[in-house]
Amino acid sequence: MRRTLVVANRTAGTPDLLAEVERRAAASLTAFTLLIPEIKKSKSADWTLEQALRAIRKAAAGETGKKATHVEGRVTGLDPLASIQQAVAEAQFDEILISTLPVKRSRWLRTDLLTEIERRAAASLTAFTLLIPEIRKSKSADWTLEQALQAIRKAAAGATGKQATHVDGRVTGIDPLASIQQAVADAQFDEILISTLPVKRSLWLRTDLVAEVRKLGLPVAVFTPPEEAKMGLKDLPTMTGPG
C-alpha cells in the first residue's frame, strides 16, 4: 500500500487536489494522511478537519463511491514545515502533496529568503549577520530583532534542525545604505542578501539601494514577496486550485 501525506491549509477541497487524490487512489491502493496546520484566526479557517476529511474520502472512493478508502487526518501546529517533519518522523510516506493558495496569497510560498539561507548553510559552513534598520513607527515593524534571528537560525539549522549555526544581528541606523557600508567596513563578507517589500511598496527599490550596494563590490541577491492580490469572488477557496 502506498502512503501519501497531504498538507493543506485552506485548499483541501479544491478540485485540483481532489482530482489528484482520486487519480492516485484509482492507480493503486493508497492510504492518505491529511495535515491541516492550526489556524489562530477563525476567519482564516474556512472549514473544519471533519469537512476536509469528508472531501478527501469522497475523492478517494472514486466515481462509484464504492472503493475502499484509507484516510486519516489531524490538525497540527502553526508551523507547516515542523508539522511535516514530525509526520515524516512518525510514519513512512511515499510522497507528499502540498496544497496551498495562489502564490500572491500564499505565505507558504513567500519564504524565499529563509529558503536561500537554508540552502547556503547546507552547501557550506556559513556565518550570517542580520541587519535590521531602525523603524521609527512601531506599526511599520512587523517583527523584532529577536524574532528575525530566531527565524534565520532555524533556517540555517537545516531540515534536521541539528546543523551548527553562526548567526548574529543588530538594529542599525535608519539609512540602510550607510548601515550596509558600515557593516562591510567592519567585517569581511562574501555576499549580501537584501530582503525587502514588493517593488510597488519598497522605498529601497525605488531609491535604487541595490545598485548602490553593488558598488561595494560584493555579490548581491534581492528577495521580494509578490504583491498581495485583492480578494474577490474568484479567489474563494472553492473556486481556486492549489498554488
C-alpha atoms as a PDB file:
ATOM      1  CA  MET A   1       0.000   0.000   0.000  1.00  0.00           C
ATOM      2  CA  ARG A   2       1.285   3.429  -0.934  1.00  0.00           C
ATOM      3  CA  ARG A   3       1.173   6.140   1.719  1.00  0.00           C
ATOM      4  CA  THR A   4       0.613   9.766   0.729  1.00  0.00           C
ATOM      5  CA  LEU A   5       0.897  12.744   3.062  1.00  0.00           C
ATOM      6  CA  VAL A   6      -1.429  15.597   2.095  1.00  0.00           C
ATOM      7  CA  VAL A   7      -0.685  19.034   3.551  1.00  0.00           C
ATOM      8  CA  ALA A   8      -3.355  21.701   3.051  1.00  0.00           C
ATOM      9  CA  ASN A   9      -4.488  24.820   4.845  1.00  0.00           C
ATOM     10  CA  ARG A  10      -7.457  26.495   3.143  1.00  0.00           C
ATOM     11  CA  THR A  11      -7.380  24.455  -0.054  1.00  0.00           C
ATOM     12  CA  ALA A  12      -8.115  20.845   0.892  1.00  0.00           C
ATOM     13  CA  GLY A  13     -11.370  20.894  -1.073  1.00  0.00           C
ATOM     14  CA  THR A  14     -10.155  22.407  -4.317  1.00  0.00           C
ATOM     15  CA  PRO A  15     -10.867  20.421  -7.490  1.00  0.00           C
ATOM     16  CA  ASP A  16      -7.198  20.003  -8.470  1.00  0.00           C
ATOM     17  CA  LEU A  17      -6.195  18.417  -5.158  1.00  0.00           C
ATOM     18  CA  LEU A  18      -9.262  16.164  -5.025  1.00  0.00           C
ATOM     19  CA  ALA A  19      -8.609  15.061  -8.614  1.00  0.00           C
ATOM     20  CA  GLU A  20      -5.042  14.097  -7.651  1.00  0.00           C
ATOM     21  CA  VAL A  21      -6.323  12.127  -4.659  1.00  0.00           C
ATOM     22  CA  GLU A  22      -8.851  10.314  -6.868  1.00  0.00           C
ATOM     23  CA  ARG A  23      -6.220   9.580  -9.528  1.00  0.00           C
ATOM     24  CA  ARG A  24      -3.757   8.138  -7.033  1.00  0.00           C
ATOM     25  CA  ALA A  25      -6.408   6.050  -5.283  1.00  0.00           C
ATOM     26  CA  ALA A  26      -7.535   4.631  -8.632  1.00  0.00           C
ATOM     27  CA  ALA A  27      -3.984   3.790  -9.725  1.00  0.00           C
ATOM     28  CA  SER A  28      -3.047   1.813  -6.612  1.00  0.00           C
ATOM     29  CA  LEU A  29      -4.176   1.102  -3.061  1.00  0.00           C
ATOM     30  CA  THR A  30      -3.214   4.301  -1.230  1.00  0.00           C
ATOM     31  CA  ALA A  31      -3.518   5.488   2.361  1.00  0.00           C
ATOM     32  CA  PHE A  32      -3.830   9.246   2.756  1.00  0.00           C
ATOM     33  CA  THR A  33      -2.882  11.262   5.843  1.00  0.00           C
ATOM     34  CA  LEU A  34      -4.175  14.833   5.828  1.00  0.00           C
ATOM     35  CA  LEU A  35      -2.411  17.573   7.808  1.00  0.00           C
ATOM     36  CA  ILE A  36      -4.154  20.894   8.353  1.00  0.00           C
ATOM     37  CA  PRO A  37      -1.982  23.438  10.214  1.00  0.00           C
ATOM     38  CA  GLU A  38      -3.801  25.137  13.090  1.00  0.00           C
ATOM     39  CA  ILE A  39      -5.364  28.494  12.245  1.00  0.00           C
ATOM     40  CA  LYS A  40      -5.301  31.098  15.025  1.00  0.00           C
ATOM     41  CA  LYS A  41      -7.800  33.414  13.366  1.00  0.00           C
ATOM     42  CA  SER A  42     -11.167  31.746  12.875  1.00  0.00           C
ATOM     43  CA  LYS A  43     -11.823  33.875   9.792  1.00  0.00           C
ATOM     44  CA  SER A  44      -8.823  32.243   8.089  1.00  0.00           C
ATOM     45  CA  ALA A  45     -10.205  28.728   8.576  1.00  0.00           C
ATOM     46  CA  ASP A  46     -12.918  28.115   6.013  1.00  0.00           C
ATOM     47  CA  TRP A  47     -13.814  24.607   7.171  1.00  0.00           C
ATOM     48  CA  THR A  48     -13.141  22.008   9.840  1.00  0.00           C
ATOM     49  CA  LEU A  49     -10.912  18.937   9.761  1.00  0.00           C
ATOM     50  CA  GLU A  50     -14.028  16.759   9.567  1.00  0.00           C
ATOM     51  CA  GLN A  51     -15.232  18.562   6.447  1.00  0.00           C
ATOM     52  CA  ALA A  52     -11.798  18.282   4.844  1.00  0.00           C
ATOM     53  CA  LEU A  53     -11.596  14.557   5.592  1.00  0.00           C
ATOM     54  CA  ARG A  54     -15.062  14.029   4.150  1.00  0.00           C
ATOM     55  CA  ALA A  55     -13.978  15.654   0.865  1.00  0.00           C
ATOM     56  CA  ILE A  56     -10.734  13.638   0.672  1.00  0.00           C
ATOM     57  CA  ARG A  57     -12.553  10.366   1.440  1.00  0.00           C
ATOM     58  CA  LYS A  58     -15.160  11.079  -1.228  1.00  0.00           C
ATOM     59  CA  ALA A  59     -12.414  11.656  -3.800  1.00  0.00           C
ATOM     60  CA  ALA A  60     -10.513   8.524  -2.738  1.00  0.00           C
ATOM     61  CA  ALA A  61     -13.692   6.446  -3.093  1.00  0.00           C
ATOM     62  CA  GLY A  62     -13.739   7.161  -6.828  1.00  0.00           C
ATOM     63  CA  GLU A  63     -16.597   7.897  -9.204  1.00  0.00           C
ATOM     64  CA  THR A  64     -18.685   4.980  -7.958  1.00  0.00           C
ATOM     65  CA  GLY A  65     -18.118   5.890  -4.325  1.00  0.00           C
ATOM     66  CA  LYS A  66     -17.603   2.203  -3.520  1.00  0.00           C
ATOM     67  CA  LYS A  67     -13.800   1.998  -3.479  1.00  0.00           C
ATOM     68  CA  ALA A  68     -12.365   1.261  -0.030  1.00  0.00           C
ATOM     69  CA  THR A  69     -10.633   4.297   1.432  1.00  0.00           C
ATOM     70  CA  HIS A  70      -7.822   4.730   3.934  1.00  0.00           C
ATOM     71  CA  VAL A  71      -7.862   8.354   5.046  1.00  0.00           C
ATOM     72  CA  GLU A  72      -6.920   9.903   8.376  1.00  0.00           C
ATOM     73  CA  GLY A  73      -6.110  13.442   9.423  1.00  0.00           C
ATOM     74  CA  ARG A  74      -5.044  15.778  12.162  1.00  0.00           C
ATOM     75  CA  VAL A  75      -4.810  19.453  12.977  1.00  0.00           C
ATOM     76  CA  THR A  76      -1.138  20.223  13.551  1.00  0.00           C
ATOM     77  CA  GLY A  77       0.881  23.159  14.883  1.00  0.00           C
ATOM     78  CA  LEU A  78       1.128  26.570  13.256  1.00  0.00           C
ATOM     79  CA  ASP A  79       4.452  25.794  11.548  1.00  0.00           C
ATOM     80  CA  PRO A  80       3.722  23.697   8.432  1.00  0.00           C
ATOM     81  CA  LEU A  81       7.369  22.648   7.947  1.00  0.00           C
ATOM     82  CA  ALA A  82       7.699  21.418  11.537  1.00  0.00           C
ATOM     83  CA  SER A  83       4.390  19.567  11.170  1.00  0.00           C
ATOM     84  CA  ILE A  84       5.564  17.803   8.008  1.00  0.00           C
ATOM     85  CA  GLN A  85       8.896  16.891   9.608  1.00  0.00           C
ATOM     86  CA  GLN A  86       7.074  15.430  12.613  1.00  0.00           C
ATOM     87  CA  ALA A  87       4.695  13.411  10.431  1.00  0.00           C
ATOM     88  CA  VAL A  88       7.560  12.003   8.338  1.00  0.00           C
ATOM     89  CA  ALA A  89       9.459  11.104  11.510  1.00  0.00           C
ATOM     90  CA  GLU A  90       6.457   9.186  12.867  1.00  0.00           C
ATOM     91  CA  ALA A  91       5.449   7.270   9.719  1.00  0.00           C
ATOM     92  CA  GLN A  92       6.765   6.233   6.324  1.00  0.00           C
ATOM     93  CA  PHE A  93       5.345   8.023   3.276  1.00  0.00           C
ATOM     94  CA  ASP A  94       5.932   7.532  -0.430  1.00  0.00           C
ATOM     95  CA  GLU A  95       5.121  11.109  -1.405  1.00  0.00           C
ATOM     96  CA  ILE A  96       3.911  14.447  -0.071  1.00  0.00           C
ATOM     97  CA  LEU A  97       1.217  16.581  -1.702  1.00  0.00           C
ATOM     98  CA  ILE A  98       1.180  20.247  -0.644  1.00  0.00           C
ATOM     99  CA  SER A  99      -1.917  22.272  -1.487  1.00  0.00           C
ATOM    100  CA  THR A 100      -1.729  25.998  -0.869  1.00  0.00           C
ATOM    101  CA  LEU A 101      -3.206  29.269  -2.017  1.00  0.00           C
ATOM    102  CA  PRO A 102      -2.124  31.015  -5.242  1.00  0.00           C
ATOM    103  CA  VAL A 103       1.376  32.493  -4.993  1.00  0.00           C
ATOM    104  CA  LYS A 104       0.110  36.058  -4.439  1.00  0.00           C
ATOM    105  CA  ARG A 105      -1.816  34.971  -1.340  1.00  0.00           C
ATOM    106  CA  SER A 106       0.233  32.056  -0.049  1.00  0.00           C
ATOM    107  CA  ARG A 107       2.518  32.741   2.887  1.00  0.00           C
ATOM    108  CA  TRP A 108       3.960  29.245   2.415  1.00  0.00           C
ATOM    109  CA  LEU A 109       5.337  30.262  -0.987  1.00  0.00           C
ATOM    110  CA  ARG A 110       6.784  33.571   0.242  1.00  0.00           C
ATOM    111  CA  THR A 111       9.715  32.248   2.264  1.00  0.00           C
ATOM    112  CA  ASP A 112      12.368  32.753  -0.410  1.00  0.00           C
ATOM    113  CA  LEU A 113      14.873  34.434   1.921  1.00  0.00           C
ATOM    114  CA  LEU A 114      14.750  31.666   4.531  1.00  0.00           C
ATOM    115  CA  THR A 115      14.956  29.034   1.793  1.00  0.00           C
ATOM    116  CA  GLU A 116      18.105  30.671   0.443  1.00  0.00           C
ATOM    117  CA  ILE A 117      19.630  30.809   3.921  1.00  0.00           C
ATOM    118  CA  GLU A 118      18.925  27.108   4.416  1.00  0.00           C
ATOM    119  CA  ARG A 119      20.411  26.307   1.006  1.00  0.00           C
ATOM    120  CA  ARG A 120      23.572  28.308   1.642  1.00  0.00           C
ATOM    121  CA  ALA A 121      24.055  26.857   5.118  1.00  0.00           C
ATOM    122  CA  ALA A 122      23.681  23.327   3.740  1.00  0.00           C
ATOM    123  CA  ALA A 123      26.153  23.949   0.907  1.00  0.00           C
ATOM    124  CA  SER A 124      28.984  25.178   3.127  1.00  0.00           C
ATOM    125  CA  LEU A 125      29.725  26.457   6.615  1.00  0.00           C
ATOM    126  CA  THR A 126      28.281  29.978   6.542  1.00  0.00           C
ATOM    127  CA  ALA A 127      28.103  32.749   9.131  1.00  0.00           C
ATOM    128  CA  PHE A 128      25.149  35.114   8.763  1.00  0.00           C
ATOM    129  CA  THR A 129      24.960  38.684  10.069  1.00  0.00           C
ATOM    130  CA  LEU A 130      21.474  40.189  10.048  1.00  0.00           C
ATOM    131  CA  LEU A 131      20.977  43.955   9.758  1.00  0.00           C
ATOM    132  CA  ILE A 132      17.558  45.429  10.533  1.00  0.00           C
ATOM    133  CA  PRO A 133      17.338  49.201  10.004  1.00  0.00           C
ATOM    134  CA  GLU A 134      15.688  51.045  12.864  1.00  0.00           C
ATOM    135  CA  ILE A 135      11.951  51.669  12.400  1.00  0.00           C
ATOM    136  CA  ARG A 136      10.620  54.838  13.995  1.00  0.00           C
ATOM    137  CA  LYS A 137       6.955  53.917  13.597  1.00  0.00           C
ATOM    138  CA  SER A 138       6.094  50.759  15.512  1.00  0.00           C
ATOM    139  CA  LYS A 139       3.354  49.916  13.010  1.00  0.00           C
ATOM    140  CA  SER A 140       5.992  49.629  10.286  1.00  0.00           C
ATOM    141  CA  ALA A 141       7.950  46.946  12.153  1.00  0.00           C
ATOM    142  CA  ASP A 142       6.404  43.511  11.549  1.00  0.00           C
ATOM    143  CA  TRP A 143       8.820  41.675  13.865  1.00  0.00           C
ATOM    144  CA  THR A 144      11.584  42.261  16.399  1.00  0.00           C
ATOM    145  CA  LEU A 145      15.301  41.538  16.015  1.00  0.00           C
ATOM    146  CA  GLU A 146      14.865  38.551  18.319  1.00  0.00           C
ATOM    147  CA  GLN A 147      12.088  37.100  16.159  1.00  0.00           C
ATOM    148  CA  ALA A 148      14.108  37.678  12.992  1.00  0.00           C
ATOM    149  CA  LEU A 149      17.191  35.999  14.443  1.00  0.00           C
ATOM    150  CA  GLN A 150      15.111  33.034  15.567  1.00  0.00           C
ATOM    151  CA  ALA A 151      13.759  32.552  12.023  1.00  0.00           C
ATOM    152  CA  ILE A 152      17.210  32.895  10.442  1.00  0.00           C
ATOM    153  CA  ARG A 153      18.795  30.461  12.906  1.00  0.00           C
ATOM    154  CA  LYS A 154      16.038  27.917  12.313  1.00  0.00           C
ATOM    155  CA  ALA A 155      16.596  28.117   8.557  1.00  0.00           C
ATOM    156  CA  ALA A 156      20.365  27.872   8.934  1.00  0.00           C
ATOM    157  CA  ALA A 157      19.985  24.772  11.122  1.00  0.00           C
ATOM    158  CA  GLY A 158      18.563  22.899   8.130  1.00  0.00           C
ATOM    159  CA  ALA A 159      15.751  20.379   7.801  1.00  0.00           C
ATOM    160  CA  THR A 160      17.020  18.307  10.750  1.00  0.00           C
ATOM    161  CA  GLY A 161      17.487  21.336  12.975  1.00  0.00           C
ATOM    162  CA  LYS A 162      20.839  19.930  14.077  1.00  0.00           C
ATOM    163  CA  GLN A 163      23.252  21.808  11.808  1.00  0.00           C
ATOM    164  CA  ALA A 164      25.512  24.221  13.681  1.00  0.00           C
ATOM    165  CA  THR A 165      24.542  27.834  13.081  1.00  0.00           C
ATOM    166  CA  HIS A 166      26.532  31.069  13.132  1.00  0.00           C
ATOM    167  CA  VAL A 167      24.023  33.916  13.149  1.00  0.00           C
ATOM    168  CA  ASP A 168      24.210  37.324  14.779  1.00  0.00           C
ATOM    169  CA  GLY A 169      22.342  40.542  14.193  1.00  0.00           C
ATOM    170  CA  ARG A 170      21.891  44.170  15.069  1.00  0.00           C
ATOM    171  CA  VAL A 171      19.443  47.016  14.717  1.00  0.00           C
ATOM    172  CA  THR A 172      21.198  49.689  12.671  1.00  0.00           C
ATOM    173  CA  GLY A 173      20.524  53.318  11.750  1.00  0.00           C
ATOM    174  CA  ILE A 174      17.613  54.455   9.614  1.00  0.00           C
ATOM    175  CA  ASP A 175      19.760  54.768   6.461  1.00  0.00           C
ATOM    176  CA  PRO A 176      20.091  51.218   5.058  1.00  0.00           C
ATOM    177  CA  LEU A 177      22.927  52.064   2.644  1.00  0.00           C
ATOM    178  CA  ALA A 178      25.041  53.673   5.359  1.00  0.00           C
ATOM    179  CA  SER A 179      24.369  50.694   7.628  1.00  0.00           C
ATOM    180  CA  ILE A 180      25.487  48.208   4.977  1.00  0.00           C
ATOM    181  CA  GLN A 181      28.577  50.271   4.165  1.00  0.00           C
ATOM    182  CA  GLN A 182      29.487  50.367   7.863  1.00  0.00           C
ATOM    183  CA  ALA A 183      28.980  46.618   8.265  1.00  0.00           C
ATOM    184  CA  VAL A 184      31.184  45.866   5.225  1.00  0.00           C
ATOM    185  CA  ALA A 185      33.830  48.207   6.596  1.00  0.00           C
ATOM    186  CA  ASP A 186      33.744  46.489   9.996  1.00  0.00           C
ATOM    187  CA  ALA A 187      33.933  42.870   8.782  1.00  0.00           C
ATOM    188  CA  GLN A 188      34.636  40.743   5.709  1.00  0.00           C
ATOM    189  CA  PHE A 189      31.617  39.313   3.856  1.00  0.00           C
ATOM    190  CA  ASP A 190      31.330  37.125   0.761  1.00  0.00           C
ATOM    191  CA  GLU A 191      27.854  38.237  -0.340  1.00  0.00           C
ATOM    192  CA  ILE A 192      24.897  40.402   0.651  1.00  0.00           C
ATOM    193  CA  LEU A 193      21.256  39.240   0.731  1.00  0.00           C
ATOM    194  CA  ILE A 194      18.645  42.010   0.724  1.00  0.00           C
ATOM    195  CA  SER A 195      15.057  41.204   1.698  1.00  0.00           C
ATOM    196  CA  THR A 196      12.564  43.987   1.071  1.00  0.00           C
ATOM    197  CA  LEU A 197       8.927  44.726   0.289  1.00  0.00           C
ATOM    198  CA  PRO A 198       7.342  44.187  -3.157  1.00  0.00           C
ATOM    199  CA  VAL A 199       8.501  46.616  -5.844  1.00  0.00           C
ATOM    200  CA  LYS A 200       5.476  48.914  -5.615  1.00  0.00           C
ATOM    201  CA  ARG A 201       5.872  49.332  -1.845  1.00  0.00           C
ATOM    202  CA  SER A 202       9.644  49.210  -1.353  1.00  0.00           C
ATOM    203  CA  LEU A 203      11.384  52.524  -0.738  1.00  0.00           C
ATOM    204  CA  TRP A 204      14.689  50.647  -1.016  1.00  0.00           C
ATOM    205  CA  LEU A 205      13.946  49.569  -4.583  1.00  0.00           C
ATOM    206  CA  ARG A 206      12.518  52.943  -5.592  1.00  0.00           C
ATOM    207  CA  THR A 207      15.678  54.707  -4.413  1.00  0.00           C
ATOM    208  CA  ASP A 208      17.936  52.207  -6.200  1.00  0.00           C
ATOM    209  CA  LEU A 209      19.502  50.933  -2.987  1.00  0.00           C
ATOM    210  CA  VAL A 210      20.529  47.680  -4.670  1.00  0.00           C
ATOM    211  CA  ALA A 211      22.604  49.449  -7.338  1.00  0.00           C
ATOM    212  CA  GLU A 212      24.411  51.443  -4.666  1.00  0.00           C
ATOM    213  CA  VAL A 213      25.106  48.333  -2.593  1.00  0.00           C
ATOM    214  CA  ARG A 214      26.529  46.550  -5.654  1.00  0.00           C
ATOM    215  CA  LYS A 215      29.124  49.317  -5.888  1.00  0.00           C
ATOM    216  CA  LEU A 216      30.683  47.819  -2.753  1.00  0.00           C
ATOM    217  CA  GLY A 217      31.995  45.026  -4.984  1.00  0.00           C
ATOM    218  CA  LEU A 218      30.184  42.086  -3.377  1.00  0.00           C
ATOM    219  CA  PRO A 219      27.589  39.765  -4.967  1.00  0.00           C
ATOM    220  CA  VAL A 220      24.072  40.968  -4.084  1.00  0.00           C
ATOM    221  CA  ALA A 221      20.837  38.915  -4.136  1.00  0.00           C
ATOM    222  CA  VAL A 222      17.435  40.537  -3.625  1.00  0.00           C
ATOM    223  CA  PHE A 223      14.318  38.796  -2.301  1.00  0.00           C
ATOM    224  CA  THR A 224      10.871  40.390  -2.545  1.00  0.00           C
ATOM    225  CA  PRO A 225       7.466  38.780  -1.942  1.00  0.00           C
ATOM    226  CA  PRO A 226       4.827  39.219  -4.657  1.00  0.00           C
ATOM    227  CA  GLU A 227       2.225  41.943  -4.328  1.00  0.00           C
ATOM    228  CA  GLU A 228      -0.814  40.977  -2.295  1.00  0.00           C
ATOM    229  CA  ALA A 229      -3.824  40.491  -4.524  1.00  0.00           C
ATOM    230  CA  LYS A 230      -7.187  41.981  -3.609  1.00  0.00           C
ATOM    231  CA  MET A 231      -9.602  39.189  -2.825  1.00  0.00           C
ATOM    232  CA  GLY A 232     -12.746  38.795  -4.856  1.00  0.00           C
ATOM    233  CA  LEU A 233     -15.287  36.100  -5.601  1.00  0.00           C
ATOM    234  CA  LYS A 234     -12.846  34.363  -7.917  1.00  0.00           C
ATOM    235  CA  ASP A 235     -10.410  33.968  -5.003  1.00  0.00           C
ATOM    236  CA  LEU A 236     -12.745  31.943  -2.798  1.00  0.00           C
ATOM    237  CA  PRO A 237     -11.113  28.608  -1.829  1.00  0.00           C
ATOM    238  CA  THR A 238     -13.823  26.547  -3.549  1.00  0.00           C
ATOM    239  CA  MET A 239     -13.028  28.201  -6.861  1.00  0.00           C
ATOM    240  CA  THR A 240      -9.220  28.277  -6.919  1.00  0.00           C
ATOM    241  CA  GLY A 241      -6.809  25.412  -7.414  1.00  0.00           C
ATOM    242  CA  PRO A 242      -3.751  24.575  -5.316  1.00  0.00           C
ATOM    243  CA  GLY A 243      -0.865  27.029  -5.535  1.00  0.00           C
END
